[in-house]
Amino acid sequence: MTEAVAHLGHEVIECANADDALQELQGHHRLALVITDVRMPGHMDGIDLAKAIWAGYPQLPVIVVSGHTVPAPGFLPENARFIRKPCTLDKLGRTINELLHIQQSG
């Protein structure tokens, strides 16, 4: 995912787990978007991370990806999207651009 997002022309900060991601958020208030996998190491999964972001940084767009889990309809806020893995580079790029456009418009 890191390579794909970088290939699309975006700067990437890669985190090993949700705790690292939350630390990055606290240190870099200028992050434009978070992409998280539902399954990740540590005591929080990607859904827990997304919920923490929505609670603490509600304007920050989030892309949740998974090859195993699909969120229930209405679970994601307006500035979040779900992508089923495996996904194409085109689908990833369109979703990133859509969320960044929503963020800039809001």
PDB file of N, CA and C in Angstrom:
ATOM      1  N   MET A   1       0.825  -1.185   0.000  1.00  0.00           N
ATOM      2  CA  MET A   1       0.000   0.000   0.000  1.00  0.00           C
ATOM      3  C   MET A   1       0.874   1.256   0.000  1.00  0.00           C
ATOM      4  N   THR A   2       1.941   1.214   0.804  1.00  0.00           N
ATOM      5  CA  THR A   2       2.849   2.364   0.854  1.00  0.00           C
ATOM      6  C   THR A   2       3.404   2.677  -0.530  1.00  0.00           C
ATOM      7  N   GLU A   3       3.872   1.645  -1.225  1.00  0.00           N
ATOM      8  CA  GLU A   3       4.434   1.845  -2.559  1.00  0.00           C
ATOM      9  C   GLU A   3       3.379   2.353  -3.533  1.00  0.00           C
ATOM     10  N   ALA A   4       2.171   1.833  -3.437  1.00  0.00           N
ATOM     11  CA  ALA A   4       1.098   2.253  -4.345  1.00  0.00           C
ATOM     12  C   ALA A   4       0.760   3.723  -4.142  1.00  0.00           C
ATOM     13  N   VAL A   5       0.632   4.153  -2.898  1.00  0.00           N
ATOM     14  CA  VAL A   5       0.282   5.547  -2.612  1.00  0.00           C
ATOM     15  C   VAL A   5       1.427   6.472  -3.041  1.00  0.00           C
ATOM     16  N   ALA A   6       2.661   6.054  -2.802  1.00  0.00           N
ATOM     17  CA  ALA A   6       3.810   6.852  -3.244  1.00  0.00           C
ATOM     18  C   ALA A   6       3.846   6.929  -4.768  1.00  0.00           C
ATOM     19  N   HIS A   7       3.545   5.820  -5.432  1.00  0.00           N
ATOM     20  CA  HIS A   7       3.509   5.791  -6.895  1.00  0.00           C
ATOM     21  C   HIS A   7       2.469   6.785  -7.436  1.00  0.00           C
ATOM     22  N   LEU A   8       1.396   6.969  -6.694  1.00  0.00           N
ATOM     23  CA  LEU A   8       0.348   7.916  -7.101  1.00  0.00           C
ATOM     24  C   LEU A   8       0.746   9.372  -6.851  1.00  0.00           C
ATOM     25  N   GLY A   9       1.948   9.574  -6.279  1.00  0.00           N
ATOM     26  CA  GLY A   9       2.471  10.926  -6.121  1.00  0.00           C
ATOM     27  C   GLY A   9       2.251  11.560  -4.764  1.00  0.00           C
ATOM     28  N   HIS A  10       1.899  10.757  -3.769  1.00  0.00           N
ATOM     29  CA  HIS A  10       1.645  11.296  -2.435  1.00  0.00           C
ATOM     30  C   HIS A  10       2.783  10.939  -1.494  1.00  0.00           C
ATOM     31  N   GLU A  11       3.084  11.839  -0.573  1.00  0.00           N
ATOM     32  CA  GLU A  11       4.067  11.563   0.462  1.00  0.00           C
ATOM     33  C   GLU A  11       3.434  10.603   1.467  1.00  0.00           C
ATOM     34  N   VAL A  12       4.200   9.622   1.929  1.00  0.00           N
ATOM     35  CA  VAL A  12       3.660   8.575   2.791  1.00  0.00           C
ATOM     36  C   VAL A  12       4.452   8.504   4.086  1.00  0.00           C
ATOM     37  N   ILE A  13       3.723   8.375   5.189  1.00  0.00           N
ATOM     38  CA  ILE A  13       4.325   8.036   6.476  1.00  0.00           C
ATOM     39  C   ILE A  13       3.764   6.665   6.832  1.00  0.00           C
ATOM     40  N   GLU A  14       4.632   5.665   6.873  1.00  0.00           N
ATOM     41  CA  GLU A  14       4.196   4.297   7.150  1.00  0.00           C
ATOM     42  C   GLU A  14       4.297   4.013   8.647  1.00  0.00           C
ATOM     43  N   CYS A  15       3.275   3.380   9.189  1.00  0.00           N
ATOM     44  CA  CYS A  15       3.247   3.027  10.605  1.00  0.00           C
ATOM     45  C   CYS A  15       3.053   1.520  10.735  1.00  0.00           C
ATOM     46  N   ALA A  16       3.708   0.940  11.730  1.00  0.00           N
ATOM     47  CA  ALA A  16       3.649  -0.507  11.921  1.00  0.00           C
ATOM     48  C   ALA A  16       2.351  -0.965  12.563  1.00  0.00           C
ATOM     49  N   ASN A  17       1.713  -0.079  13.333  1.00  0.00           N
ATOM     50  CA  ASN A  17       0.481  -0.462  14.027  1.00  0.00           C
ATOM     51  C   ASN A  17      -0.336   0.790  14.350  1.00  0.00           C
ATOM     52  N   ALA A  18      -1.496   0.596  14.952  1.00  0.00           N
ATOM     53  CA  ALA A  18      -2.403   1.702  15.249  1.00  0.00           C
ATOM     54  C   ALA A  18      -1.807   2.673  16.267  1.00  0.00           C
ATOM     55  N   ASP A  19      -1.090   2.159  17.256  1.00  0.00           N
ATOM     56  CA  ASP A  19      -0.471   3.043  18.251  1.00  0.00           C
ATOM     57  C   ASP A  19       0.516   3.999  17.595  1.00  0.00           C
ATOM     58  N   ASP A  20       1.340   3.465  16.685  1.00  0.00           N
ATOM     59  CA  ASP A  20       2.288   4.314  15.955  1.00  0.00           C
ATOM     60  C   ASP A  20       1.547   5.353  15.119  1.00  0.00           C
ATOM     61  N   ALA A  21       0.448   4.945  14.510  1.00  0.00           N
ATOM     62  CA  ALA A  21      -0.331   5.875  13.688  1.00  0.00           C
ATOM     63  C   ALA A  21      -0.909   7.005  14.533  1.00  0.00           C
ATOM     64  N   LEU A  22      -1.430   6.678  15.700  1.00  0.00           N
ATOM     65  CA  LEU A  22      -1.970   7.726  16.580  1.00  0.00           C
ATOM     66  C   LEU A  22      -0.875   8.674  17.055  1.00  0.00           C
ATOM     67  N   GLN A  23       0.331   8.153  17.301  1.00  0.00           N
ATOM     68  CA  GLN A  23       1.454   9.014  17.674  1.00  0.00           C
ATOM     69  C   GLN A  23       1.797   9.962  16.525  1.00  0.00           C
ATOM     70  N   GLU A  24       1.805   9.456  15.303  1.00  0.00           N
ATOM     71  CA  GLU A  24       2.072  10.299  14.139  1.00  0.00           C
ATOM     72  C   GLU A  24       1.015  11.403  14.016  1.00  0.00           C
ATOM     73  N   LEU A  25      -0.228  11.043  14.244  1.00  0.00           N
ATOM     74  CA  LEU A  25      -1.304  12.030  14.165  1.00  0.00           C
ATOM     75  C   LEU A  25      -1.094  13.149  15.179  1.00  0.00           C
ATOM     76  N   GLN A  26      -0.689  12.787  16.365  1.00  0.00           N
ATOM     77  CA  GLN A  26      -0.475  13.786  17.401  1.00  0.00           C
ATOM     78  C   GLN A  26       0.712  14.683  17.078  1.00  0.00           C
ATOM     79  N   GLY A  27       1.678  14.152  16.366  1.00  0.00           N
ATOM     80  CA  GLY A  27       2.867  14.928  16.032  1.00  0.00           C
ATOM     81  C   GLY A  27       2.787  15.669  14.705  1.00  0.00           C
ATOM     82  N   HIS A  28       1.885  15.267  13.824  1.00  0.00           N
ATOM     83  CA  HIS A  28       1.777  15.853  12.488  1.00  0.00           C
ATOM     84  C   HIS A  28       0.327  16.238  12.218  1.00  0.00           C
ATOM     85  N   HIS A  29      -0.057  17.389  12.656  1.00  0.00           N
ATOM     86  CA  HIS A  29      -1.447  17.804  12.482  1.00  0.00           C
ATOM     87  C   HIS A  29      -1.772  18.134  11.029  1.00  0.00           C
ATOM     88  N   ARG A  30      -0.789  18.039  10.153  1.00  0.00           N
ATOM     89  CA  ARG A  30      -1.020  18.397   8.751  1.00  0.00           C
ATOM     90  C   ARG A  30      -1.223  17.172   7.863  1.00  0.00           C
ATOM     91  N   LEU A  31      -1.447  16.012   8.435  1.00  0.00           N
ATOM     92  CA  LEU A  31      -1.717  14.843   7.611  1.00  0.00           C
ATOM     93  C   LEU A  31      -3.005  15.069   6.831  1.00  0.00           C
ATOM     94  N   ALA A  32      -2.996  14.652   5.576  1.00  0.00           N
ATOM     95  CA  ALA A  32      -4.155  14.897   4.715  1.00  0.00           C
ATOM     96  C   ALA A  32      -5.121  13.726   4.684  1.00  0.00           C
ATOM     97  N   LEU A  33      -4.646  12.513   4.996  1.00  0.00           N
ATOM     98  CA  LEU A  33      -5.461  11.319   4.816  1.00  0.00           C
ATOM     99  C   LEU A  33      -4.814  10.159   5.553  1.00  0.00           C
ATOM    100  N   VAL A  34      -5.628   9.241   6.055  1.00  0.00           N
ATOM    101  CA  VAL A  34      -5.122   8.019   6.676  1.00  0.00           C
ATOM    102  C   VAL A  34      -5.706   6.829   5.932  1.00  0.00           C
ATOM    103  N   ILE A  35      -4.849   5.853   5.632  1.00  0.00           N
ATOM    104  CA  ILE A  35      -5.290   4.580   5.067  1.00  0.00           C
ATOM    105  C   ILE A  35      -4.943   3.508   6.087  1.00  0.00           C
ATOM    106  N   THR A  36      -5.929   2.718   6.463  1.00  0.00           N
ATOM    107  CA  THR A  36      -5.696   1.665   7.441  1.00  0.00           C
ATOM    108  C   THR A  36      -6.315   0.352   6.983  1.00  0.00           C
ATOM    109  N   ASP A  37      -5.620  -0.722   7.270  1.00  0.00           N
ATOM    110  CA  ASP A  37      -6.150  -2.055   7.021  1.00  0.00           C
ATOM    111  C   ASP A  37      -6.914  -2.482   8.266  1.00  0.00           C
ATOM    112  N   VAL A  38      -7.988  -3.222   8.093  1.00  0.00           N
ATOM    113  CA  VAL A  38      -8.744  -3.692   9.249  1.00  0.00           C
ATOM    114  C   VAL A  38      -7.861  -4.584  10.114  1.00  0.00           C
ATOM    115  N   ARG A  39      -7.146  -5.497   9.498  1.00  0.00           N
ATOM    116  CA  ARG A  39      -6.272  -6.401  10.248  1.00  0.00           C
ATOM    117  C   ARG A  39      -4.890  -5.791  10.351  1.00  0.00           C
ATOM    118  N   MET A  40      -4.472  -5.530  11.583  1.00  0.00           N
ATOM    119  CA  MET A  40      -3.134  -4.989  11.815  1.00  0.00           C
ATOM    120  C   MET A  40      -2.636  -5.465  13.176  1.00  0.00           C
ATOM    121  N   PRO A  41      -1.313  -5.511  13.358  1.00  0.00           N
ATOM    122  CA  PRO A  41      -0.775  -5.966  14.639  1.00  0.00           C
ATOM    123  C   PRO A  41      -1.053  -4.964  15.755  1.00  0.00           C
ATOM    124  N   GLY A  42      -0.957  -5.424  16.984  1.00  0.00           N
ATOM    125  CA  GLY A  42      -1.154  -4.554  18.134  1.00  0.00           C
ATOM    126  C   GLY A  42      -2.499  -4.780  18.788  1.00  0.00           C
ATOM    127  N   HIS A  43      -2.784  -3.976  19.794  1.00  0.00           N
ATOM    128  CA  HIS A  43      -4.028  -4.177  20.535  1.00  0.00           C
ATOM    129  C   HIS A  43      -5.226  -3.488  19.898  1.00  0.00           C
ATOM    130  N   MET A  44      -4.997  -2.649  18.900  1.00  0.00           N
ATOM    131  CA  MET A  44      -6.078  -1.999  18.152  1.00  0.00           C
ATOM    132  C   MET A  44      -6.046  -2.496  16.714  1.00  0.00           C
ATOM    133  N   ASP A  45      -7.215  -2.769  16.153  1.00  0.00           N
ATOM    134  CA  ASP A  45      -7.248  -3.087  14.725  1.00  0.00           C
ATOM    135  C   ASP A  45      -7.544  -1.801  13.942  1.00  0.00           C
ATOM    136  N   GLY A  46      -7.680  -1.933  12.632  1.00  0.00           N
ATOM    137  CA  GLY A  46      -7.892  -0.759  11.793  1.00  0.00           C
ATOM    138  C   GLY A  46      -9.220  -0.067  12.039  1.00  0.00           C
ATOM    139  N   ILE A  47     -10.241  -0.822  12.423  1.00  0.00           N
ATOM    140  CA  ILE A  47     -11.536  -0.206  12.750  1.00  0.00           C
ATOM    141  C   ILE A  47     -11.408   0.615  14.027  1.00  0.00           C
ATOM    142  N   ASP A  48     -10.706   0.089  15.027  1.00  0.00           N
ATOM    143  CA  ASP A  48     -10.477   0.854  16.257  1.00  0.00           C
ATOM    144  C   ASP A  48      -9.693   2.129  15.962  1.00  0.00           C
ATOM    145  N   LEU A  49      -8.690   2.025  15.092  1.00  0.00           N
ATOM    146  CA  LEU A  49      -7.920   3.204  14.712  1.00  0.00           C
ATOM    147  C   LEU A  49      -8.822   4.221  14.023  1.00  0.00           C
ATOM    148  N   ALA A  50      -9.638   3.765  13.089  1.00  0.00           N
ATOM    149  CA  ALA A  50     -10.543   4.683  12.385  1.00  0.00           C
ATOM    150  C   ALA A  50     -11.482   5.372  13.366  1.00  0.00           C
ATOM    151  N   LYS A  51     -12.023   4.629  14.317  1.00  0.00           N
ATOM    152  CA  LYS A  51     -12.924   5.228  15.310  1.00  0.00           C
ATOM    153  C   LYS A  51     -12.199   6.285  16.148  1.00  0.00           C
ATOM    154  N   ALA A  52     -10.937   6.009  16.511  1.00  0.00           N
ATOM    155  CA  ALA A  52     -10.148   6.982  17.278  1.00  0.00           C
ATOM    156  C   ALA A  52      -9.914   8.244  16.449  1.00  0.00           C
ATOM    157  N   ILE A  53      -9.659   8.073  15.161  1.00  0.00           N
ATOM    158  CA  ILE A  53      -9.459   9.229  14.283  1.00  0.00           C
ATOM    159  C   ILE A  53     -10.756  10.024  14.175  1.00  0.00           C
ATOM    160  N   TRP A  54     -11.877   9.333  13.967  1.00  0.00           N
ATOM    161  CA  TRP A  54     -13.156  10.040  13.839  1.00  0.00           C
ATOM    162  C   TRP A  54     -13.512  10.787  15.106  1.00  0.00           C
ATOM    163  N   ALA A  55     -13.107  10.257  16.268  1.00  0.00           N
ATOM    164  CA  ALA A  55     -13.398  10.921  17.543  1.00  0.00           C
ATOM    165  C   ALA A  55     -12.485  12.130  17.774  1.00  0.00           C
ATOM    166  N   GLY A  56     -11.200  11.981  17.441  1.00  0.00           N
ATOM    167  CA  GLY A  56     -10.239  13.039  17.734  1.00  0.00           C
ATOM    168  C   GLY A  56      -9.921  13.975  16.589  1.00  0.00           C
ATOM    169  N   TYR A  57     -10.114  13.515  15.367  1.00  0.00           N
ATOM    170  CA  TYR A  57      -9.770  14.289  14.169  1.00  0.00           C
ATOM    171  C   TYR A  57     -10.889  14.099  13.143  1.00  0.00           C
ATOM    172  N   PRO A  58     -12.097  14.563  13.440  1.00  0.00           N
ATOM    173  CA  PRO A  58     -13.250  14.246  12.589  1.00  0.00           C
ATOM    174  C   PRO A  58     -13.144  14.757  11.152  1.00  0.00           C
ATOM    175  N   GLN A  59     -12.305  15.745  10.898  1.00  0.00           N
ATOM    176  CA  GLN A  59     -12.168  16.267   9.532  1.00  0.00           C
ATOM    177  C   GLN A  59     -11.203  15.444   8.688  1.00  0.00           C
ATOM    178  N   LEU A  60     -10.413  14.578   9.317  1.00  0.00           N
ATOM    179  CA  LEU A  60      -9.380  13.827   8.613  1.00  0.00           C
ATOM    180  C   LEU A  60      -9.987  12.646   7.854  1.00  0.00           C
ATOM    181  N   PRO A  61      -9.837  12.613   6.529  1.00  0.00           N
ATOM    182  CA  PRO A  61     -10.381  11.497   5.755  1.00  0.00           C
ATOM    183  C   PRO A  61      -9.661  10.186   6.067  1.00  0.00           C
ATOM    184  N   VAL A  62     -10.426   9.091   6.020  1.00  0.00           N
ATOM    185  CA  VAL A  62      -9.886   7.772   6.305  1.00  0.00           C
ATOM    186  C   VAL A  62     -10.348   6.801   5.227  1.00  0.00           C
ATOM    187  N   ILE A  63      -9.400   6.009   4.741  1.00  0.00           N
ATOM    188  CA  ILE A  63      -9.725   4.891   3.855  1.00  0.00           C
ATOM    189  C   ILE A  63      -9.458   3.622   4.650  1.00  0.00           C
ATOM    190  N   VAL A  64     -10.472   2.781   4.768  1.00  0.00           N
ATOM    191  CA  VAL A  64     -10.358   1.494   5.455  1.00  0.00           C
ATOM    192  C   VAL A  64     -10.302   0.423   4.373  1.00  0.00           C
ATOM    193  N   VAL A  65      -9.290  -0.429   4.439  1.00  0.00           N
ATOM    194  CA  VAL A  65      -9.163  -1.510   3.454  1.00  0.00           C
ATOM    195  C   VAL A  65      -9.202  -2.857   4.155  1.00  0.00           C
ATOM    196  N   SER A  66      -9.735  -3.841   3.465  1.00  0.00           N
ATOM    197  CA  SER A  66      -9.751  -5.200   4.004  1.00  0.00           C
ATOM    198  C   SER A  66     -10.067  -6.187   2.902  1.00  0.00           C
ATOM    199  N   GLY A  67      -9.493  -7.352   3.027  1.00  0.00           N
ATOM    200  CA  GLY A  67      -9.828  -8.457   2.150  1.00  0.00           C
ATOM    201  C   GLY A  67     -10.749  -9.443   2.835  1.00  0.00           C
ATOM    202  N   HIS A  68     -11.105  -9.145   4.098  1.00  0.00           N
ATOM    203  CA  HIS A  68     -11.878 -10.097   4.887  1.00  0.00           C
ATOM    204  C   HIS A  68     -13.168  -9.519   5.455  1.00  0.00           C
ATOM    205  N   THR A  69     -13.176  -8.247   5.793  1.00  0.00           N
ATOM    206  CA  THR A  69     -14.287  -7.620   6.493  1.00  0.00           C
ATOM    207  C   THR A  69     -14.884  -6.514   5.646  1.00  0.00           C
ATOM    208  N   VAL A  70     -16.198  -6.389   5.685  1.00  0.00           N
ATOM    209  CA  VAL A  70     -16.880  -5.291   5.001  1.00  0.00           C
ATOM    210  C   VAL A  70     -17.702  -4.550   6.049  1.00  0.00           C
ATOM    211  N   PRO A  71     -17.493  -3.239   6.212  1.00  0.00           N
ATOM    212  CA  PRO A  71     -18.269  -2.494   7.202  1.00  0.00           C
ATOM    213  C   PRO A  71     -19.764  -2.490   6.863  1.00  0.00           C
ATOM    214  N   ALA A  72     -20.569  -2.441   7.879  1.00  0.00           N
ATOM    215  CA  ALA A  72     -22.024  -2.389   7.692  1.00  0.00           C
ATOM    216  C   ALA A  72     -22.413  -1.080   7.011  1.00  0.00           C
ATOM    217  N   PRO A  73     -23.485  -1.085   6.228  1.00  0.00           N
ATOM    218  CA  PRO A  73     -23.959   0.155   5.605  1.00  0.00           C
ATOM    219  C   PRO A  73     -24.193   1.234   6.669  1.00  0.00           C
ATOM    220  N   GLY A  74     -23.754   2.446   6.374  1.00  0.00           N
ATOM    221  CA  GLY A  74     -23.919   3.555   7.297  1.00  0.00           C
ATOM    222  C   GLY A  74     -22.865   3.642   8.383  1.00  0.00           C
ATOM    223  N   PHE A  75     -21.916   2.685   8.425  1.00  0.00           N
ATOM    224  CA  PHE A  75     -20.889   2.679   9.463  1.00  0.00           C
ATOM    225  C   PHE A  75     -19.870   3.801   9.261  1.00  0.00           C
ATOM    226  N   LEU A  76     -19.515   4.060   8.009  1.00  0.00           N
ATOM    227  CA  LEU A  76     -18.471   5.040   7.726  1.00  0.00           C
ATOM    228  C   LEU A  76     -19.037   6.450   7.676  1.00  0.00           C
ATOM    229  N   PRO A  77     -18.301   7.417   8.251  1.00  0.00           N
ATOM    230  CA  PRO A  77     -18.739   8.805   8.105  1.00  0.00           C
ATOM    231  C   PRO A  77     -18.568   9.280   6.660  1.00  0.00           C
ATOM    232  N   GLU A  78     -19.052  10.473   6.384  1.00  0.00           N
ATOM    233  CA  GLU A  78     -19.036  11.002   5.014  1.00  0.00           C
ATOM    234  C   GLU A  78     -17.639  11.099   4.422  1.00  0.00           C
ATOM    235  N   ASN A  79     -16.648  11.393   5.252  1.00  0.00           N
ATOM    236  CA  ASN A  79     -15.287  11.563   4.734  1.00  0.00           C
ATOM    237  C   ASN A  79     -14.442  10.302   4.919  1.00  0.00           C
ATOM    238  N   ALA A  80     -15.087   9.146   4.819  1.00  0.00           N
ATOM    239  CA  ALA A  80     -14.376   7.869   4.884  1.00  0.00           C
ATOM    240  C   ALA A  80     -14.882   6.964   3.770  1.00  0.00           C
ATOM    241  N   ARG A  81     -14.016   6.061   3.324  1.00  0.00           N
ATOM    242  CA  ARG A  81     -14.376   5.113   2.281  1.00  0.00           C
ATOM    243  C   ARG A  81     -13.816   3.747   2.647  1.00  0.00           C
ATOM    244  N   PHE A  82     -14.458   2.724   2.122  1.00  0.00           N
ATOM    245  CA  PHE A  82     -13.978   1.358   2.267  1.00  0.00           C
ATOM    246  C   PHE A  82     -13.545   0.849   0.906  1.00  0.00           C
ATOM    247  N   ILE A  83     -12.405   0.190   0.865  1.00  0.00           N
ATOM    248  CA  ILE A  83     -11.914  -0.445  -0.347  1.00  0.00           C
ATOM    249  C   ILE A  83     -11.630  -1.904  -0.029  1.00  0.00           C
ATOM    250  N   ARG A  84     -12.212  -2.792  -0.822  1.00  0.00           N
ATOM    251  CA  ARG A  84     -11.959  -4.227  -0.662  1.00  0.00           C
ATOM    252  C   ARG A  84     -10.634  -4.573  -1.344  1.00  0.00           C
ATOM    253  N   LYS A  85      -9.802  -5.359  -0.638  1.00  0.00           N
ATOM    254  CA  LYS A  85      -8.548  -5.842  -1.216  1.00  0.00           C
ATOM    255  C   LYS A  85      -8.804  -7.156  -1.939  1.00  0.00           C
ATOM    256  N   PRO A  86      -8.064  -7.413  -2.964  1.00  0.00           N
ATOM    257  CA  PRO A  86      -7.083  -6.524  -3.591  1.00  0.00           C
ATOM    258  C   PRO A  86      -7.793  -5.431  -4.394  1.00  0.00           C
ATOM    259  N   CYS A  87      -7.170  -4.284  -4.435  1.00  0.00           N
ATOM    260  CA  CYS A  87      -7.758  -3.182  -5.192  1.00  0.00           C
ATOM    261  C   CYS A  87      -6.782  -2.755  -6.285  1.00  0.00           C
ATOM    262  N   THR A  88      -7.323  -2.104  -7.282  1.00  0.00           N
ATOM    263  CA  THR A  88      -6.480  -1.623  -8.372  1.00  0.00           C
ATOM    264  C   THR A  88      -5.875  -0.273  -7.991  1.00  0.00           C
ATOM    265  N   LEU A  89      -4.788   0.063  -8.631  1.00  0.00           N
ATOM    266  CA  LEU A  89      -4.158   1.360  -8.425  1.00  0.00           C
ATOM    267  C   LEU A  89      -5.119   2.471  -8.831  1.00  0.00           C
ATOM    268  N   ASP A  90      -5.888   2.237  -9.885  1.00  0.00           N
ATOM    269  CA  ASP A  90      -6.860   3.222 -10.345  1.00  0.00           C
ATOM    270  C   ASP A  90      -7.930   3.476  -9.277  1.00  0.00           C
ATOM    271  N   LYS A  91      -8.469   2.423  -8.694  1.00  0.00           N
ATOM    272  CA  LYS A  91      -9.492   2.559  -7.644  1.00  0.00           C
ATOM    273  C   LYS A  91      -8.926   3.295  -6.442  1.00  0.00           C
ATOM    274  N   LEU A  92      -7.718   2.943  -6.033  1.00  0.00           N
ATOM    275  CA  LEU A  92      -7.074   3.609  -4.906  1.00  0.00           C
ATOM    276  C   LEU A  92      -6.872   5.088  -5.205  1.00  0.00           C
ATOM    277  N   GLY A  93      -6.361   5.396  -6.389  1.00  0.00           N
ATOM    278  CA  GLY A  93      -6.122   6.792  -6.770  1.00  0.00           C
ATOM    279  C   GLY A  93      -7.402   7.611  -6.808  1.00  0.00           C
ATOM    280  N   ARG A  94      -8.463   7.043  -7.388  1.00  0.00           N
ATOM    281  CA  ARG A  94      -9.750   7.759  -7.442  1.00  0.00           C
ATOM    282  C   ARG A  94     -10.300   8.030  -6.045  1.00  0.00           C
ATOM    283  N   THR A  95     -10.173   7.044  -5.156  1.00  0.00           N
ATOM    284  CA  THR A  95     -10.694   7.193  -3.799  1.00  0.00           C
ATOM    285  C   THR A  95      -9.898   8.243  -3.029  1.00  0.00           C
ATOM    286  N   ILE A  96      -8.584   8.214  -3.132  1.00  0.00           N
ATOM    287  CA  ILE A  96      -7.746   9.224  -2.478  1.00  0.00           C
ATOM    288  C   ILE A  96      -8.118  10.610  -2.992  1.00  0.00           C
ATOM    289  N   ASN A  97      -8.184  10.771  -4.298  1.00  0.00           N
ATOM    290  CA  ASN A  97      -8.498  12.084  -4.875  1.00  0.00           C
ATOM    291  C   ASN A  97      -9.873  12.575  -4.463  1.00  0.00           C
ATOM    292  N   GLU A  98     -10.842  11.662  -4.411  1.00  0.00           N
ATOM    293  CA  GLU A  98     -12.199  12.037  -3.996  1.00  0.00           C
ATOM    294  C   GLU A  98     -12.186  12.566  -2.558  1.00  0.00           C
ATOM    295  N   LEU A  99     -11.526  11.856  -1.650  1.00  0.00           N
ATOM    296  CA  LEU A  99     -11.507  12.284  -0.253  1.00  0.00           C
ATOM    297  C   LEU A  99     -10.716  13.563  -0.057  1.00  0.00           C
ATOM    298  N   LEU A 100      -9.615  13.715  -0.764  1.00  0.00           N
ATOM    299  CA  LEU A 100      -8.850  14.954  -0.648  1.00  0.00           C
ATOM    300  C   LEU A 100      -9.639  16.136  -1.192  1.00  0.00           C
ATOM    301  N   HIS A 101     -10.423  15.918  -2.236  1.00  0.00           N
ATOM    302  CA  HIS A 101     -11.265  16.975  -2.798  1.00  0.00           C
ATOM    303  C   HIS A 101     -12.359  17.369  -1.797  1.00  0.00           C
ATOM    304  N   ILE A 102     -12.976  16.374  -1.154  1.00  0.00           N
ATOM    305  CA  ILE A 102     -14.003  16.650  -0.146  1.00  0.00           C
ATOM    306  C   ILE A 102     -13.394  17.459   0.996  1.00  0.00           C
ATOM    307  N   GLN A 103     -12.190  17.073   1.425  1.00  0.00           N
ATOM    308  CA  GLN A 103     -11.521  17.777   2.526  1.00  0.00           C
ATOM    309  C   GLN A 103     -11.232  19.227   2.155  1.00  0.00           C
ATOM    310  N   GLN A 104     -10.759  19.463   0.943  1.00  0.00           N
ATOM    311  CA  GLN A 104     -10.443  20.817   0.501  1.00  0.00           C
ATOM    312  C   GLN A 104     -11.685  21.666   0.313  1.00  0.00           C
ATOM    313  N   SER A 105     -12.789  21.027  -0.062  1.00  0.00           N
ATOM    314  CA  SER A 105     -14.044  21.744  -0.287  1.00  0.00           C
ATOM    315  C   SER A 105     -14.727  22.105   1.020  1.00  0.00           C
ATOM    316  N   GLY A 106     -14.503  21.271   2.041  1.00  0.00           N
ATOM    317  CA  GLY A 106     -15.200  21.470   3.323  1.00  0.00           C
ATOM    318  C   GLY A 106     -14.501  22.429   4.181  1.00  0.00           C
TER     319      GLY A 106
END
